[in-house]
């Protein structure tokens, strides 16, 4: 029981405070952690990138960055961003948005995840998602919000797969979405991520069951009462997923 509680506490810290080495190796309270992360954000994003690329309209750049951070794990649309900025009396071109995103990627602030058509076996050029280098950046800028945990779990799973060397895609199976398709030379598997398994819905499992191949399929969840195997789909707690290769 002690180990389970200890792992649970560490997991909650990891979700809330992130994994920057300086912070992980220290003993800081949440307020101090978020202050340090905000300093890192200001140094890398608001100073290094703006100076390197001679961004004159730093307010507009800042709004784009924050839009991306607020929408981690959601399907990205440059048009939606243009319309959002227009609603707050700001004008920007789609080309400028993609320039900003490219610079953020090259600075390792965000990571792009493209969509893979499981039927056509090709990578799509649209409907990509972006993930944040460390989920604590979002909390440092906006404060911790329990309603954002689902997208932050997805963020953690994405980077754990990346750490293990997989190519990672969002799966498109006709009109169904698979959170992650993880591929390397010898292996492939599918993952759905959810905070809890819905009691009144089997959507997470059903989407995986409709994939017509033999590769392993997993649901990764924070649900302490969900485990085992449902119709060949393995239910895995986030702690076990992170601790086991």
C-alpha atoms as a PDB file:
ATOM      1  CA  UNK A   1       0.000   0.000   0.000  1.00  0.00           C
ATOM      2  CA  UNK A   2       2.839   2.371   0.841  1.00  0.00           C
ATOM      3  CA  UNK A   3       4.449   1.943  -2.586  1.00  0.00           C
ATOM      4  CA  UNK A   4       1.162   2.472  -4.396  1.00  0.00           C
ATOM      5  CA  UNK A   5       0.562   5.668  -2.428  1.00  0.00           C
ATOM      6  CA  UNK A   6       4.117   6.826  -3.044  1.00  0.00           C
ATOM      7  CA  UNK A   7       3.861   6.204  -6.788  1.00  0.00           C
ATOM      8  CA  UNK A   8       0.529   8.004  -6.825  1.00  0.00           C
ATOM      9  CA  UNK A   9       2.005  11.026  -5.085  1.00  0.00           C
ATOM     10  CA  UNK A  10       4.940  11.135  -7.488  1.00  0.00           C
ATOM     11  CA  UNK A  11       2.585  10.856 -10.452  1.00  0.00           C
ATOM     12  CA  UNK A  12       0.466  13.764  -9.221  1.00  0.00           C
ATOM     13  CA  UNK A  13       3.631  15.841  -8.768  1.00  0.00           C
ATOM     14  CA  UNK A  14       4.779  14.904 -12.263  1.00  0.00           C
ATOM     15  CA  UNK A  15       1.441  15.915 -13.782  1.00  0.00           C
ATOM     16  CA  UNK A  16       1.300  19.224 -11.901  1.00  0.00           C
ATOM     17  CA  UNK A  17       4.975  20.222 -11.765  1.00  0.00           C
ATOM     18  CA  UNK A  18       6.419  18.624 -14.883  1.00  0.00           C
ATOM     19  CA  UNK A  19       9.816  17.078 -15.465  1.00  0.00           C
ATOM     20  CA  UNK A  20      12.374  19.852 -15.892  1.00  0.00           C
ATOM     21  CA  UNK A  21      15.606  18.389 -14.388  1.00  0.00           C
ATOM     22  CA  UNK A  22      16.262  21.344 -12.073  1.00  0.00           C
ATOM     23  CA  UNK A  23      12.786  21.075 -10.608  1.00  0.00           C
ATOM     24  CA  UNK A  24      12.677  17.281 -10.446  1.00  0.00           C
ATOM     25  CA  UNK A  25      15.982  17.182  -8.532  1.00  0.00           C
ATOM     26  CA  UNK A  26      14.997  19.917  -6.065  1.00  0.00           C
ATOM     27  CA  UNK A  27      12.487  20.341  -3.283  1.00  0.00           C
ATOM     28  CA  UNK A  28      10.397  23.337  -4.305  1.00  0.00           C
ATOM     29  CA  UNK A  29       6.818  24.242  -3.545  1.00  0.00           C
ATOM     30  CA  UNK A  30       4.348  24.690  -6.387  1.00  0.00           C
ATOM     31  CA  UNK A  31       4.553  28.487  -6.399  1.00  0.00           C
ATOM     32  CA  UNK A  32       8.347  28.431  -6.699  1.00  0.00           C
ATOM     33  CA  UNK A  33       8.201  25.790  -9.444  1.00  0.00           C
ATOM     34  CA  UNK A  34       5.780  27.785 -11.563  1.00  0.00           C
ATOM     35  CA  UNK A  35       7.844  30.964 -11.080  1.00  0.00           C
ATOM     36  CA  UNK A  36      10.953  29.157 -12.378  1.00  0.00           C
ATOM     37  CA  UNK A  37       9.068  27.671 -15.319  1.00  0.00           C
ATOM     38  CA  UNK A  38       7.629  31.049 -16.229  1.00  0.00           C
ATOM     39  CA  UNK A  39      11.187  32.426 -16.221  1.00  0.00           C
ATOM     40  CA  UNK A  40      12.225  29.625 -18.609  1.00  0.00           C
ATOM     41  CA  UNK A  41       9.242  30.403 -20.832  1.00  0.00           C
ATOM     42  CA  UNK A  42      10.046  34.117 -20.912  1.00  0.00           C
ATOM     43  CA  UNK A  43      13.709  33.425 -21.631  1.00  0.00           C
ATOM     44  CA  UNK A  44      13.186  30.932 -24.459  1.00  0.00           C
ATOM     45  CA  UNK A  45       9.910  32.061 -26.006  1.00  0.00           C
ATOM     46  CA  UNK A  46       9.652  35.758 -25.337  1.00  0.00           C
ATOM     47  CA  UNK A  47      13.357  36.599 -25.597  1.00  0.00           C
ATOM     48  CA  UNK A  48      15.370  34.038 -27.593  1.00  0.00           C
ATOM     49  CA  UNK A  49      12.806  33.373 -30.332  1.00  0.00           C
ATOM     50  CA  UNK A  50      11.655  36.975 -30.713  1.00  0.00           C
ATOM     51  CA  UNK A  51      15.232  38.252 -30.890  1.00  0.00           C
ATOM     52  CA  UNK A  52      16.511  35.531 -33.218  1.00  0.00           C
ATOM     53  CA  UNK A  53      13.683  35.981 -35.710  1.00  0.00           C
ATOM     54  CA  UNK A  54      13.319  39.735 -35.204  1.00  0.00           C
ATOM     55  CA  UNK A  55       9.647  39.539 -34.265  1.00  0.00           C
ATOM     56  CA  UNK A  56       8.432  43.099 -33.947  1.00  0.00           C
ATOM     57  CA  UNK A  57       4.858  42.429 -32.896  1.00  0.00           C
ATOM     58  CA  UNK A  58       5.644  40.521 -29.707  1.00  0.00           C
ATOM     59  CA  UNK A  59       2.082  40.906 -28.425  1.00  0.00           C
ATOM     60  CA  UNK A  60       0.697  39.050 -31.451  1.00  0.00           C
ATOM     61  CA  UNK A  61       3.369  36.362 -31.181  1.00  0.00           C
ATOM     62  CA  UNK A  62       2.584  35.948 -27.493  1.00  0.00           C
ATOM     63  CA  UNK A  63      -1.124  35.518 -28.286  1.00  0.00           C
ATOM     64  CA  UNK A  64      -0.353  32.814 -30.864  1.00  0.00           C
ATOM     65  CA  UNK A  65       1.862  30.934 -28.416  1.00  0.00           C
ATOM     66  CA  UNK A  66      -0.771  31.072 -25.701  1.00  0.00           C
ATOM     67  CA  UNK A  67      -3.462  29.896 -28.120  1.00  0.00           C
ATOM     68  CA  UNK A  68      -1.352  26.820 -28.915  1.00  0.00           C
ATOM     69  CA  UNK A  69      -0.637  26.169 -25.230  1.00  0.00           C
ATOM     70  CA  UNK A  70      -4.321  26.439 -24.328  1.00  0.00           C
ATOM     71  CA  UNK A  71      -5.235  23.973 -27.088  1.00  0.00           C
ATOM     72  CA  UNK A  72      -2.662  21.242 -26.483  1.00  0.00           C
ATOM     73  CA  UNK A  73      -3.905  17.930 -27.837  1.00  0.00           C
ATOM     74  CA  UNK A  74      -6.692  19.492 -29.890  1.00  0.00           C
ATOM     75  CA  UNK A  75      -6.876  19.387 -33.671  1.00  0.00           C
ATOM     76  CA  UNK A  76      -5.087  22.484 -34.924  1.00  0.00           C
ATOM     77  CA  UNK A  77      -6.640  24.908 -37.383  1.00  0.00           C
ATOM     78  CA  UNK A  78      -4.797  28.002 -38.595  1.00  0.00           C
ATOM     79  CA  UNK A  79      -8.126  29.411 -39.762  1.00  0.00           C
ATOM     80  CA  UNK A  80      -9.569  29.022 -36.268  1.00  0.00           C
ATOM     81  CA  UNK A  81      -6.608  30.923 -34.885  1.00  0.00           C
ATOM     82  CA  UNK A  82      -7.047  33.696 -37.467  1.00  0.00           C
ATOM     83  CA  UNK A  83     -10.722  33.990 -36.508  1.00  0.00           C
ATOM     84  CA  UNK A  84      -9.922  33.978 -32.796  1.00  0.00           C
ATOM     85  CA  UNK A  85      -7.396  36.784 -33.185  1.00  0.00           C
ATOM     86  CA  UNK A  86      -9.815  38.692 -35.384  1.00  0.00           C
ATOM     87  CA  UNK A  87     -12.354  38.511 -32.541  1.00  0.00           C
ATOM     88  CA  UNK A  88      -9.905  40.389 -30.302  1.00  0.00           C
ATOM     89  CA  UNK A  89      -9.110  42.945 -33.016  1.00  0.00           C
ATOM     90  CA  UNK A  90      -5.825  41.386 -34.130  1.00  0.00           C
ATOM     91  CA  UNK A  91      -4.900  40.562 -37.725  1.00  0.00           C
ATOM     92  CA  UNK A  92      -2.497  37.826 -38.763  1.00  0.00           C
ATOM     93  CA  UNK A  93      -1.844  35.789 -41.905  1.00  0.00           C
ATOM     94  CA  UNK A  94      -1.816  32.003 -42.028  1.00  0.00           C
ATOM     95  CA  UNK A  95       1.767  32.160 -43.324  1.00  0.00           C
ATOM     96  CA  UNK A  96       2.845  34.095 -40.229  1.00  0.00           C
ATOM     97  CA  UNK A  97       1.120  31.590 -37.954  1.00  0.00           C
ATOM     98  CA  UNK A  98       3.005  28.703 -39.535  1.00  0.00           C
ATOM     99  CA  UNK A  99       6.266  30.647 -39.296  1.00  0.00           C
ATOM    100  CA  UNK A 100       5.658  31.092 -35.576  1.00  0.00           C
ATOM    101  CA  UNK A 101       4.840  27.404 -35.148  1.00  0.00           C
ATOM    102  CA  UNK A 102       7.974  26.405 -37.051  1.00  0.00           C
ATOM    103  CA  UNK A 103      10.142  28.586 -34.812  1.00  0.00           C
ATOM    104  CA  UNK A 104       8.515  27.177 -31.686  1.00  0.00           C
ATOM    105  CA  UNK A 105       9.183  23.644 -32.946  1.00  0.00           C
ATOM    106  CA  UNK A 106      12.818  24.405 -33.697  1.00  0.00           C
ATOM    107  CA  UNK A 107      13.184  25.802 -30.182  1.00  0.00           C
ATOM    108  CA  UNK A 108      11.691  22.517 -28.816  1.00  0.00           C
ATOM    109  CA  UNK A 109       8.803  24.331 -27.149  1.00  0.00           C
ATOM    110  CA  UNK A 110       6.091  22.450 -29.059  1.00  0.00           C
ATOM    111  CA  UNK A 111       6.032  19.186 -31.012  1.00  0.00           C
ATOM    112  CA  UNK A 112       3.856  18.422 -34.006  1.00  0.00           C
ATOM    113  CA  UNK A 113       1.895  15.184 -34.308  1.00  0.00           C
ATOM    114  CA  UNK A 114       0.537  14.451 -37.776  1.00  0.00           C
ATOM    115  CA  UNK A 115      -2.516  12.418 -38.660  1.00  0.00           C
ATOM    116  CA  UNK A 116      -2.141   8.945 -40.192  1.00  0.00           C
ATOM    117  CA  UNK A 117      -4.883   7.381 -42.293  1.00  0.00           C
ATOM    118  CA  UNK A 118      -5.043   3.734 -41.237  1.00  0.00           C
ATOM    119  CA  UNK A 119      -7.027   2.730 -44.322  1.00  0.00           C
ATOM    120  CA  UNK A 120      -5.022   4.622 -46.924  1.00  0.00           C
ATOM    121  CA  UNK A 121      -1.738   4.099 -45.019  1.00  0.00           C
ATOM    122  CA  UNK A 122      -0.589   7.644 -45.654  1.00  0.00           C
ATOM    123  CA  UNK A 123       0.259  10.699 -43.570  1.00  0.00           C
ATOM    124  CA  UNK A 124      -2.233  13.521 -43.924  1.00  0.00           C
ATOM    125  CA  UNK A 125      -1.174  17.131 -44.387  1.00  0.00           C
ATOM    126  CA  UNK A 126      -3.982  18.584 -42.272  1.00  0.00           C
ATOM    127  CA  UNK A 127      -5.636  18.103 -38.870  1.00  0.00           C
ATOM    128  CA  UNK A 128      -2.381  17.849 -36.963  1.00  0.00           C
ATOM    129  CA  UNK A 129      -2.039  18.393 -33.220  1.00  0.00           C
ATOM    130  CA  UNK A 130       0.645  20.036 -31.127  1.00  0.00           C
ATOM    131  CA  UNK A 131       2.039  18.938 -27.788  1.00  0.00           C
ATOM    132  CA  UNK A 132       3.927  20.987 -25.239  1.00  0.00           C
ATOM    133  CA  UNK A 133       7.537  20.211 -24.268  1.00  0.00           C
ATOM    134  CA  UNK A 134       6.460  20.102 -20.625  1.00  0.00           C
ATOM    135  CA  UNK A 135       2.883  20.324 -19.388  1.00  0.00           C
ATOM    136  CA  UNK A 136       3.990  22.467 -16.441  1.00  0.00           C
ATOM    137  CA  UNK A 137       4.431  25.408 -18.840  1.00  0.00           C
ATOM    138  CA  UNK A 138       0.664  25.545 -19.208  1.00  0.00           C
ATOM    139  CA  UNK A 139       0.107  25.463 -15.465  1.00  0.00           C
ATOM    140  CA  UNK A 140       2.815  28.078 -14.839  1.00  0.00           C
ATOM    141  CA  UNK A 141       1.074  30.484 -17.211  1.00  0.00           C
ATOM    142  CA  UNK A 142      -2.555  29.732 -16.328  1.00  0.00           C
ATOM    143  CA  UNK A 143      -2.468  28.024 -12.949  1.00  0.00           C
ATOM    144  CA  UNK A 144      -3.390  24.413 -12.272  1.00  0.00           C
ATOM    145  CA  UNK A 145      -6.813  23.498 -13.606  1.00  0.00           C
ATOM    146  CA  UNK A 146      -8.186  19.983 -12.968  1.00  0.00           C
ATOM    147  CA  UNK A 147     -10.326  20.169 -16.121  1.00  0.00           C
ATOM    148  CA  UNK A 148      -7.158  20.199 -18.249  1.00  0.00           C
ATOM    149  CA  UNK A 149      -5.764  16.963 -16.820  1.00  0.00           C
ATOM    150  CA  UNK A 150      -7.053  14.801 -19.689  1.00  0.00           C
ATOM    151  CA  UNK A 151      -5.104  16.753 -22.300  1.00  0.00           C
ATOM    152  CA  UNK A 152      -2.036  16.832 -20.043  1.00  0.00           C
ATOM    153  CA  UNK A 153      -2.158  13.033 -19.644  1.00  0.00           C
ATOM    154  CA  UNK A 154      -2.228  12.833 -23.427  1.00  0.00           C
ATOM    155  CA  UNK A 155       0.779  15.160 -23.477  1.00  0.00           C
ATOM    156  CA  UNK A 156       2.663  12.872 -21.068  1.00  0.00           C
ATOM    157  CA  UNK A 157       1.890   9.749 -23.098  1.00  0.00           C
ATOM    158  CA  UNK A 158       3.036  11.458 -26.303  1.00  0.00           C
ATOM    159  CA  UNK A 159       6.423  12.333 -24.826  1.00  0.00           C
ATOM    160  CA  UNK A 160       6.896   8.949 -23.199  1.00  0.00           C
ATOM    161  CA  UNK A 161       6.391   7.328 -26.612  1.00  0.00           C
ATOM    162  CA  UNK A 162       8.807   9.846 -28.106  1.00  0.00           C
ATOM    163  CA  UNK A 163      11.370   9.056 -25.402  1.00  0.00           C
ATOM    164  CA  UNK A 164      11.102   5.369 -26.344  1.00  0.00           C
ATOM    165  CA  UNK A 165      11.950   6.194 -29.948  1.00  0.00           C
ATOM    166  CA  UNK A 166       8.599   5.690 -31.650  1.00  0.00           C
ATOM    167  CA  UNK A 167       7.241   7.619 -34.576  1.00  0.00           C
ATOM    168  CA  UNK A 168       3.926   8.921 -33.280  1.00  0.00           C
ATOM    169  CA  UNK A 169       0.802   9.783 -35.231  1.00  0.00           C
ATOM    170  CA  UNK A 170      -2.851  10.493 -34.586  1.00  0.00           C
ATOM    171  CA  UNK A 171      -4.803   7.628 -36.094  1.00  0.00           C
ATOM    172  CA  UNK A 172      -7.665   8.219 -38.517  1.00  0.00           C
ATOM    173  CA  UNK A 173      -9.827   5.155 -39.008  1.00  0.00           C
ATOM    174  CA  UNK A 174     -12.582   6.344 -41.344  1.00  0.00           C
ATOM    175  CA  UNK A 175     -14.511   8.777 -39.110  1.00  0.00           C
ATOM    176  CA  UNK A 176     -12.974   7.539 -35.840  1.00  0.00           C
ATOM    177  CA  UNK A 177      -9.898   8.957 -34.122  1.00  0.00           C
ATOM    178  CA  UNK A 178      -7.199   6.984 -32.352  1.00  0.00           C
ATOM    179  CA  UNK A 179      -5.185   9.134 -29.956  1.00  0.00           C
ATOM    180  CA  UNK A 180      -1.817   7.624 -30.883  1.00  0.00           C
ATOM    181  CA  UNK A 181      -0.360   5.213 -33.400  1.00  0.00           C
ATOM    182  CA  UNK A 182       3.166   4.320 -32.253  1.00  0.00           C
ATOM    183  CA  UNK A 183       5.472   2.843 -34.890  1.00  0.00           C
ATOM    184  CA  UNK A 184       9.067   1.688 -35.090  1.00  0.00           C
ATOM    185  CA  UNK A 185      10.833  -0.813 -37.322  1.00  0.00           C
ATOM    186  CA  UNK A 186       9.777  -3.882 -35.389  1.00  0.00           C
ATOM    187  CA  UNK A 187       6.681  -2.763 -33.596  1.00  0.00           C
ATOM    188  CA  UNK A 188       3.377  -0.955 -33.798  1.00  0.00           C
ATOM    189  CA  UNK A 189       0.578  -0.393 -31.327  1.00  0.00           C
ATOM    190  CA  UNK A 190      -2.415   1.845 -30.729  1.00  0.00           C
ATOM    191  CA  UNK A 191      -3.291   3.904 -27.668  1.00  0.00           C
ATOM    192  CA  UNK A 192      -6.380   5.676 -26.452  1.00  0.00           C
ATOM    193  CA  UNK A 193      -5.879   8.023 -23.494  1.00  0.00           C
ATOM    194  CA  UNK A 194      -8.562   8.973 -20.992  1.00  0.00           C
ATOM    195  CA  UNK A 195      -8.731  10.250 -17.442  1.00  0.00           C
ATOM    196  CA  UNK A 196     -11.395   7.697 -16.566  1.00  0.00           C
ATOM    197  CA  UNK A 197     -13.145   4.985 -18.509  1.00  0.00           C
ATOM    198  CA  UNK A 198     -16.665   6.328 -19.128  1.00  0.00           C
ATOM    199  CA  UNK A 199     -19.252   4.226 -17.298  1.00  0.00           C
ATOM    200  CA  UNK A 200     -21.990   4.812 -19.839  1.00  0.00           C
ATOM    201  CA  UNK A 201     -19.874   4.613 -22.987  1.00  0.00           C
ATOM    202  CA  UNK A 202     -17.405   2.242 -24.591  1.00  0.00           C
ATOM    203  CA  UNK A 203     -16.115   4.854 -27.064  1.00  0.00           C
ATOM    204  CA  UNK A 204     -12.451   4.516 -26.070  1.00  0.00           C
ATOM    205  CA  UNK A 205     -12.535   0.739 -26.484  1.00  0.00           C
ATOM    206  CA  UNK A 206     -14.885   0.720 -29.478  1.00  0.00           C
ATOM    207  CA  UNK A 207     -12.588   2.963 -31.521  1.00  0.00           C
ATOM    208  CA  UNK A 208      -9.742   0.510 -30.963  1.00  0.00           C
ATOM    209  CA  UNK A 209     -11.866  -2.556 -31.673  1.00  0.00           C
ATOM    210  CA  UNK A 210     -12.735  -1.221 -35.107  1.00  0.00           C
ATOM    211  CA  UNK A 211      -9.075  -1.323 -36.169  1.00  0.00           C
ATOM    212  CA  UNK A 212      -8.792  -4.405 -38.320  1.00  0.00           C
ATOM    213  CA  UNK A 213      -5.272  -5.671 -37.663  1.00  0.00           C
ATOM    214  CA  UNK A 214      -3.357  -7.767 -35.139  1.00  0.00           C
ATOM    215  CA  UNK A 215      -1.253  -5.056 -33.479  1.00  0.00           C
ATOM    216  CA  UNK A 216      -1.611  -4.493 -29.701  1.00  0.00           C
ATOM    217  CA  UNK A 217      -4.149  -1.960 -28.485  1.00  0.00           C
ATOM    218  CA  UNK A 218      -4.146  -0.129 -25.164  1.00  0.00           C
ATOM    219  CA  UNK A 219      -6.216   2.295 -23.148  1.00  0.00           C
ATOM    220  CA  UNK A 220      -4.044   4.372 -20.800  1.00  0.00           C
ATOM    221  CA  UNK A 221      -5.988   5.908 -17.943  1.00  0.00           C
ATOM    222  CA  UNK A 222      -5.790   7.521 -14.498  1.00  0.00           C
ATOM    223  CA  UNK A 223      -8.714   5.373 -13.387  1.00  0.00           C
ATOM    224  CA  UNK A 224      -7.524   3.411 -10.328  1.00  0.00           C
ATOM    225  CA  UNK A 225     -10.328   0.877 -10.738  1.00  0.00           C
ATOM    226  CA  UNK A 226      -9.786   0.130 -14.413  1.00  0.00           C
ATOM    227  CA  UNK A 227      -7.410  -2.658 -15.348  1.00  0.00           C
ATOM    228  CA  UNK A 228      -7.206  -5.933 -17.185  1.00  0.00           C
ATOM    229  CA  UNK A 229      -8.215  -6.910 -20.675  1.00  0.00           C
ATOM    230  CA  UNK A 230     -11.469  -6.045 -22.434  1.00  0.00           C
ATOM    231  CA  UNK A 231     -12.046  -7.822 -25.741  1.00  0.00           C
ATOM    232  CA  UNK A 232      -8.305  -8.042 -26.332  1.00  0.00           C
ATOM    233  CA  UNK A 233      -7.642  -4.406 -25.417  1.00  0.00           C
ATOM    234  CA  UNK A 234      -5.313  -3.907 -22.465  1.00  0.00           C
ATOM    235  CA  UNK A 235      -6.329  -1.315 -19.859  1.00  0.00           C
ATOM    236  CA  UNK A 236      -3.210   0.228 -18.321  1.00  0.00           C
ATOM    237  CA  UNK A 237      -2.883   2.774 -15.533  1.00  0.00           C
ATOM    238  CA  UNK A 238      -0.728   5.768 -16.438  1.00  0.00           C
ATOM    239  CA  UNK A 239       1.726   4.898 -13.649  1.00  0.00           C
ATOM    240  CA  UNK A 240       2.329   1.428 -15.101  1.00  0.00           C
ATOM    241  CA  UNK A 241       2.649   2.822 -18.609  1.00  0.00           C
ATOM    242  CA  UNK A 242       5.328   5.301 -17.526  1.00  0.00           C
ATOM    243  CA  UNK A 243       7.277   2.816 -15.391  1.00  0.00           C
ATOM    244  CA  UNK A 244       7.271  -0.126 -17.807  1.00  0.00           C
ATOM    245  CA  UNK A 245       9.009  -0.085 -21.176  1.00  0.00           C
END
